[in-house]
C-alpha cells in the first residue's frame, strides 16, 4: 500500500480512549495479522478516538496548551511593563484523527477535493516591538530582567514542555507503527481491495486511498473539478465498504496490545502529559 502523505497524516500526533480495563489474562499478540474485528460501521473519522490518543496530544489538547501558553506570555509581558493581549484562539477545524485514513468527509470532498480547507488564523503574531521580550533577545526592559529565553522560554518551562516532548517519543513511535501494521491486516487489505473495485466502477483506478490522495494531478494550489469528483467517489466508496470502521478496528487492536506490552514505560509519557495539561489549564484559569 502507498506510504503516508502529509495530507493523509494531518493529526497523526494525537489522544485516546480510556485505558483498557484490568484483565486477568494477558492479551494475545496480534502480530501482523489481527482477525477481522470491524463489528461496527464508521462513516467518517471526525470523532474517531484510538487507544494511544491518551498518551499523545490531540487537537483539543494542543488548543488548551496554546491557550495556557498565551496566558503565561501575557502575564510575563505585563510584568515587564509591556502589556499585550493576544487574540483569543479558536478551535481547530480538523480533528485529531479526521484524516488518519485519508479523506472521509463528503462535503469537504465536494468543496475542496483533497485539499485541506484554509483555516482562520487562530492567534496573531506578537508585534515586532515586543518580540525581543518574547524571544529573550533583550535582557532587561524598564529595568526589569527578562527571563532566560524570554517570556516564551519561561512559559515553556512553566508548562514543562521540554519534558513532555521527550516523553512523547515512545507513544509517537507506537502510534506510527500501529498505523503501518494495520495497513497490512487481512481485513484492511480486503476492504481496501473492495474500495479499489468501487472506485473502478466510478471510473477511477487507484490501488488504495493513499494513492488517490497522493495523485500528482491533485498537487495544484487549488482543487479542480476532477479532483473533487475523485475525492467524493473516494469518500463514498469508503462508506460503502466500511473501510474506516474496519481499519480503525484493526489499528485499535494493535494499539491496545502495544499499551499492555509497554504499560510500565508508557507511565512516564502519560504522567508528563497530565502534568503539562494541568499546568496549561491552571494558567488559563480553567
Protein backbone atom coordinates (compact mmCIF):
# COMPACT_ATOMS: atom_id res chain seq x y z
CA UNK A 1 0.00 0.00 0.00
CA UNK A 2 1.09 3.59 -0.53
CA UNK A 3 3.15 5.37 2.11
CA UNK A 4 1.62 8.09 4.28
CA UNK A 5 1.41 11.63 2.85
CA UNK A 6 1.41 14.91 4.75
CA UNK A 7 -2.25 15.45 3.84
CA UNK A 8 -3.21 11.95 4.90
CA UNK A 9 -1.41 12.12 8.25
CA UNK A 10 -2.67 15.55 9.33
CA UNK A 11 -3.30 14.87 13.01
CA UNK A 12 -1.18 11.76 13.38
CA UNK A 13 0.17 13.43 16.51
CA UNK A 14 -3.00 12.57 18.55
CA UNK A 15 -5.17 11.20 22.22
CA UNK A 16 -7.10 8.14 23.45
CA UNK A 17 -9.93 6.03 24.50
CA UNK A 18 -9.67 5.30 28.22
CA UNK A 19 -7.05 2.72 29.10
CA UNK A 20 -8.14 -0.86 28.88
CA UNK A 21 -9.83 -2.11 31.99
CA UNK A 22 -7.84 -4.58 34.03
CA UNK A 23 -7.81 -8.09 32.64
CA UNK A 24 -6.83 -11.29 34.32
CA UNK A 25 -5.31 -12.80 31.20
CA UNK A 26 -2.53 -11.29 29.12
CA UNK A 27 -3.65 -10.14 25.68
CA UNK A 28 -2.66 -12.16 22.66
CA UNK A 29 -0.10 -10.54 20.39
CA UNK A 30 -1.96 -9.65 17.17
CA UNK A 31 1.38 -9.68 15.37
CA UNK A 32 0.97 -8.84 11.72
CA UNK A 33 -2.46 -10.44 11.22
CA UNK A 34 -5.26 -9.49 13.63
CA UNK A 35 -8.58 -11.13 12.96
CA UNK A 36 -11.49 -9.31 11.33
CA UNK A 37 -12.85 -7.12 14.12
CA UNK A 38 -14.94 -4.41 12.46
CA UNK A 39 -18.22 -5.14 14.19
CA UNK A 40 -19.35 -1.54 13.84
CA UNK A 41 -19.73 0.77 10.90
CA UNK A 42 -17.97 4.14 10.91
CA UNK A 43 -18.91 6.55 8.15
CA UNK A 44 -16.25 9.14 8.94
CA UNK A 45 -13.33 9.66 11.31
CA UNK A 46 -14.02 13.15 12.67
CA UNK A 47 -14.81 11.85 16.17
CA UNK A 48 -12.57 8.77 15.95
CA UNK A 49 -10.58 8.01 19.11
CA UNK A 50 -7.77 5.46 19.22
CA UNK A 51 -6.28 3.77 22.29
CA UNK A 52 -2.94 5.60 22.07
CA UNK A 53 -4.54 9.04 21.95
CA UNK A 54 -4.39 9.42 25.75
CA UNK A 55 -0.59 9.37 25.60
CA UNK A 56 -0.30 11.97 22.85
CA UNK A 57 -1.54 15.50 22.22
CA UNK A 58 -4.91 15.63 20.50
CA UNK A 59 -6.25 18.65 18.66
CA UNK A 60 -8.14 19.60 21.83
CA UNK A 61 -5.03 19.19 23.98
CA UNK A 62 -2.96 21.33 21.61
CA UNK A 63 -5.55 24.09 21.79
CA UNK A 64 -5.63 24.01 25.60
CA UNK A 65 -1.84 24.03 25.73
CA UNK A 66 -1.69 27.04 23.40
CA UNK A 67 -4.21 28.95 25.49
CA UNK A 68 -2.24 28.23 28.64
CA UNK A 69 0.96 29.39 26.95
CA UNK A 70 -0.74 32.60 25.79
CA UNK A 71 -1.90 33.33 29.34
CA UNK A 72 1.61 32.86 30.73
CA UNK A 73 3.05 35.05 27.98
CA UNK A 74 0.53 37.78 28.74
CA UNK A 75 1.41 37.64 32.44
CA UNK A 76 5.13 37.76 31.72
CA UNK A 77 4.89 40.71 29.32
CA UNK A 78 2.71 42.61 31.77
CA UNK A 79 5.31 42.09 34.47
CA UNK A 80 7.95 43.59 32.18
CA UNK A 81 5.86 46.70 31.61
CA UNK A 82 4.94 45.71 28.05
CA UNK A 83 1.33 44.52 28.38
CA UNK A 84 -0.10 42.74 25.37
CA UNK A 85 -3.20 40.58 24.98
CA UNK A 86 -3.18 38.13 22.06
CA UNK A 87 -6.40 37.42 20.22
CA UNK A 88 -8.46 34.54 21.56
CA UNK A 89 -7.67 31.22 19.93
CA UNK A 90 -10.37 29.37 18.07
CA UNK A 91 -10.79 25.62 17.91
CA UNK A 92 -9.07 23.85 15.03
CA UNK A 93 -11.33 22.84 12.16
CA UNK A 94 -9.72 19.42 11.65
CA UNK A 95 -9.94 16.88 14.45
CA UNK A 96 -7.10 14.65 15.62
CA UNK A 97 -7.82 11.51 13.59
CA UNK A 98 -10.07 13.05 10.97
CA UNK A 99 -7.71 12.30 8.06
CA UNK A 100 -5.83 9.36 9.53
CA UNK A 101 -7.18 7.04 6.85
CA UNK A 102 -7.46 9.70 4.19
CA UNK A 103 -10.35 12.00 3.37
CA UNK A 104 -13.63 10.97 4.97
CA UNK A 105 -15.95 13.98 4.68
CA UNK A 106 -18.20 14.08 1.61
CA UNK A 107 -18.98 17.79 1.94
CA UNK A 108 -15.29 18.69 2.17
CA UNK A 109 -14.64 16.48 -0.85
CA UNK A 110 -17.26 18.35 -2.87
CA UNK A 111 -15.88 21.75 -1.90
CA UNK A 112 -12.14 21.23 -1.53
CA UNK A 113 -11.24 17.88 -3.06
CA UNK A 114 -8.24 16.52 -1.18
CA UNK A 115 -7.02 19.98 -0.19
CA UNK A 116 -7.15 20.99 3.46
CA UNK A 117 -9.51 23.97 3.77
CA UNK A 118 -7.94 27.29 4.72
CA UNK A 119 -8.42 27.69 8.42
CA UNK A 120 -8.85 31.04 10.13
CA UNK A 121 -5.72 32.31 11.81
CA UNK A 122 -6.10 31.28 15.43
CA UNK A 123 -3.74 33.78 17.01
CA UNK A 124 -1.88 36.85 15.87
CA UNK A 125 1.88 37.20 15.97
CA UNK A 126 3.37 39.39 18.65
CA UNK A 127 4.21 42.93 17.49
CA UNK A 128 7.83 43.42 16.43
CA UNK A 129 8.34 45.98 19.21
CA UNK A 130 7.95 43.34 21.92
CA UNK A 131 9.46 40.35 20.10
CA UNK A 132 12.83 40.80 21.88
CA UNK A 133 10.96 40.25 25.15
CA UNK A 134 9.20 37.20 23.73
CA UNK A 135 12.37 35.56 22.44
CA UNK A 136 14.85 36.78 25.06
CA UNK A 137 16.95 38.89 22.71
CA UNK A 138 16.56 41.70 25.22
CA UNK A 139 17.98 41.04 28.68
CA UNK A 140 16.18 43.87 30.51
CA UNK A 141 13.14 46.09 29.95
CA UNK A 142 12.26 49.11 32.04
CA UNK A 143 14.99 47.98 34.41
CA UNK A 144 13.36 44.57 34.89
CA UNK A 145 15.34 41.44 33.92
CA UNK A 146 13.87 39.47 31.03
CA UNK A 147 13.61 35.73 31.79
CA UNK A 148 16.08 33.40 30.10
CA UNK A 149 14.71 32.61 26.67
CA UNK A 150 12.26 35.47 27.02
CA UNK A 151 8.63 35.15 28.02
CA UNK A 152 8.27 32.25 25.60
CA UNK A 153 11.07 30.35 27.31
CA UNK A 154 9.58 30.99 30.73
CA UNK A 155 6.14 29.83 29.60
CA UNK A 156 7.60 26.63 28.17
CA UNK A 157 9.39 25.93 31.44
CA UNK A 158 6.26 26.53 33.50
CA UNK A 159 4.39 24.12 31.23
CA UNK A 160 7.19 21.52 31.37
CA UNK A 161 7.11 21.35 27.57
CA UNK A 162 10.68 20.12 27.12
CA UNK A 163 10.00 17.16 29.42
CA UNK A 164 6.75 16.44 27.58
CA UNK A 165 8.36 16.42 24.13
CA UNK A 166 11.00 13.97 25.28
CA UNK A 167 8.42 11.71 26.93
CA UNK A 168 6.24 11.61 23.80
CA UNK A 169 8.87 9.78 21.73
CA UNK A 170 7.66 6.27 22.65
CA UNK A 171 3.91 6.79 22.13
CA UNK A 172 4.62 8.61 18.87
CA UNK A 173 6.68 5.64 17.70
CA UNK A 174 3.97 3.16 18.69
CA UNK A 175 1.36 5.36 17.02
CA UNK A 176 3.17 5.25 13.70
CA UNK A 177 3.92 1.53 13.99
CA UNK A 178 0.28 0.69 14.61
CA UNK A 179 -0.74 2.62 11.51
CA UNK A 180 1.79 0.86 9.29
CA UNK A 181 0.96 -2.59 10.70
CA UNK A 182 -2.78 -2.06 10.36
CA UNK A 183 -2.35 -1.32 6.66
CA UNK A 184 -1.30 -4.97 6.22
CA UNK A 185 -4.02 -6.53 8.36
CA UNK A 186 -6.03 -9.05 6.25
CA UNK A 187 -9.34 -7.34 6.96
CA UNK A 188 -7.91 -3.97 5.94
CA UNK A 189 -6.31 -5.38 2.79
CA UNK A 190 -9.64 -6.98 1.82
CA UNK A 191 -11.57 -3.77 2.49
CA UNK A 192 -9.01 -1.76 0.52
CA UNK A 193 -9.42 -4.09 -2.44
CA UNK A 194 -13.19 -3.62 -2.21
CA UNK A 195 -12.66 0.16 -2.08
CA UNK A 196 -10.45 -0.04 -5.20
CA UNK A 197 -13.10 -2.05 -7.04
CA UNK A 198 -15.73 0.51 -6.05
CA UNK A 199 -13.54 3.33 -7.34
CA UNK A 200 -13.04 1.50 -10.66
CA UNK A 201 -16.82 1.29 -11.04
CA UNK A 202 -16.82 5.08 -10.76
CA UNK A 203 -14.15 5.35 -13.45
CA UNK A 204 -11.14 5.92 -11.17
CA UNK A 205 -8.25 3.46 -10.91
CA UNK A 206 -6.32 3.54 -7.63
CA UNK A 207 -4.98 0.62 -5.54
CA UNK A 208 -5.75 2.33 -2.23
CA UNK A 209 -6.95 5.68 -0.78
CA UNK A 210 -3.44 6.98 -0.21
CA UNK A 211 -2.63 6.55 -3.89
CA UNK A 212 -5.62 8.74 -4.68
CA UNK A 213 -4.80 11.47 -2.18
CA UNK A 214 -1.15 11.45 -3.36
CA UNK A 215 -2.04 11.71 -7.05
CA UNK A 216 0.35 14.32 -8.51
CA UNK A 217 -2.53 15.61 -10.62
CA UNK A 218 -4.02 17.00 -7.41
CA UNK A 219 -0.94 18.98 -6.33
CA UNK A 220 -2.13 22.33 -7.71
CA UNK A 221 -2.72 25.22 -5.33
CA UNK A 222 -6.48 24.89 -5.72
CA UNK A 223 -8.63 21.81 -6.41
CA UNK A 224 -10.13 21.32 -9.85
CA UNK A 225 -13.40 19.60 -10.82
CA UNK A 226 -11.71 16.24 -11.46
CA UNK A 227 -10.03 16.23 -8.04
CA UNK A 228 -13.35 16.97 -6.35
CA UNK A 229 -15.00 14.18 -8.34
CA UNK A 230 -12.34 11.65 -7.34
CA UNK A 231 -12.33 12.79 -3.71
CA UNK A 232 -16.10 12.42 -3.44
CA UNK A 233 -16.00 8.95 -5.01
CA UNK A 234 -13.22 8.07 -2.56
CA UNK A 235 -15.31 9.05 0.46
CA UNK A 236 -18.46 7.33 -0.81
CA UNK A 237 -16.54 4.12 -1.54
CA UNK A 238 -15.01 4.21 1.95
CA UNK A 239 -18.52 4.42 3.36
CA UNK A 240 -19.81 1.65 1.08
CA UNK A 241 -17.16 -0.91 2.14
CA UNK A 242 -16.85 0.39 5.73
CA UNK A 243 -13.12 0.94 5.25
CA UNK A 244 -12.78 3.40 8.14
CA UNK A 245 -14.60 1.12 10.57
CA UNK A 246 -12.56 -1.91 9.55
CA UNK A 247 -9.23 -0.07 9.52
CA UNK A 248 -9.78 1.70 12.85
CA UNK A 249 -10.85 -1.56 14.50
CA UNK A 250 -7.70 -3.32 13.26
CA UNK A 251 -5.47 -0.46 14.38
CA UNK A 252 -7.19 -0.26 17.76
CA UNK A 253 -6.30 -3.91 18.32
CA UNK A 254 -2.62 -3.21 17.61
CA UNK A 255 -2.64 -0.16 19.86
CA UNK A 256 -4.32 -1.97 22.74
CA UNK A 257 -1.69 -4.68 22.58
CA UNK A 258 1.09 -2.05 22.46
CA UNK A 259 -0.32 -0.34 25.54
CA UNK A 260 -0.42 -3.58 27.52
CA UNK A 261 3.06 -4.60 26.35
CA UNK A 262 4.59 -1.20 27.20
CA UNK A 263 2.46 -0.37 30.23
CA UNK A 264 5.36 0.43 32.56
CA UNK A 265 7.27 2.61 30.09
CA UNK A 266 4.12 4.40 28.94
CA UNK A 267 3.50 5.56 32.50
CA UNK A 268 6.12 8.32 32.03
CA UNK A 269 4.59 9.98 28.94
CA UNK A 270 1.12 9.70 30.44
CA UNK A 271 2.27 11.44 33.63
CA UNK A 272 4.20 14.06 31.62
CA UNK A 273 1.16 14.87 29.56
CA UNK A 274 -1.09 15.11 32.59
CA UNK A 275 1.41 17.42 34.31
CA UNK A 276 1.64 19.74 31.29
CA UNK A 277 -2.08 19.83 30.66
CA UNK A 278 -2.81 20.55 34.32
CA UNK A 279 -0.35 23.45 34.22
CA UNK A 280 -1.87 24.77 30.98
CA UNK A 281 -5.41 24.65 32.34
CA UNK A 282 -4.33 26.33 35.57
CA UNK A 283 -2.57 29.10 33.63
CA UNK A 284 -5.66 29.70 31.51
CA UNK A 285 -7.84 29.77 34.61
CA UNK A 286 -9.77 26.62 33.76
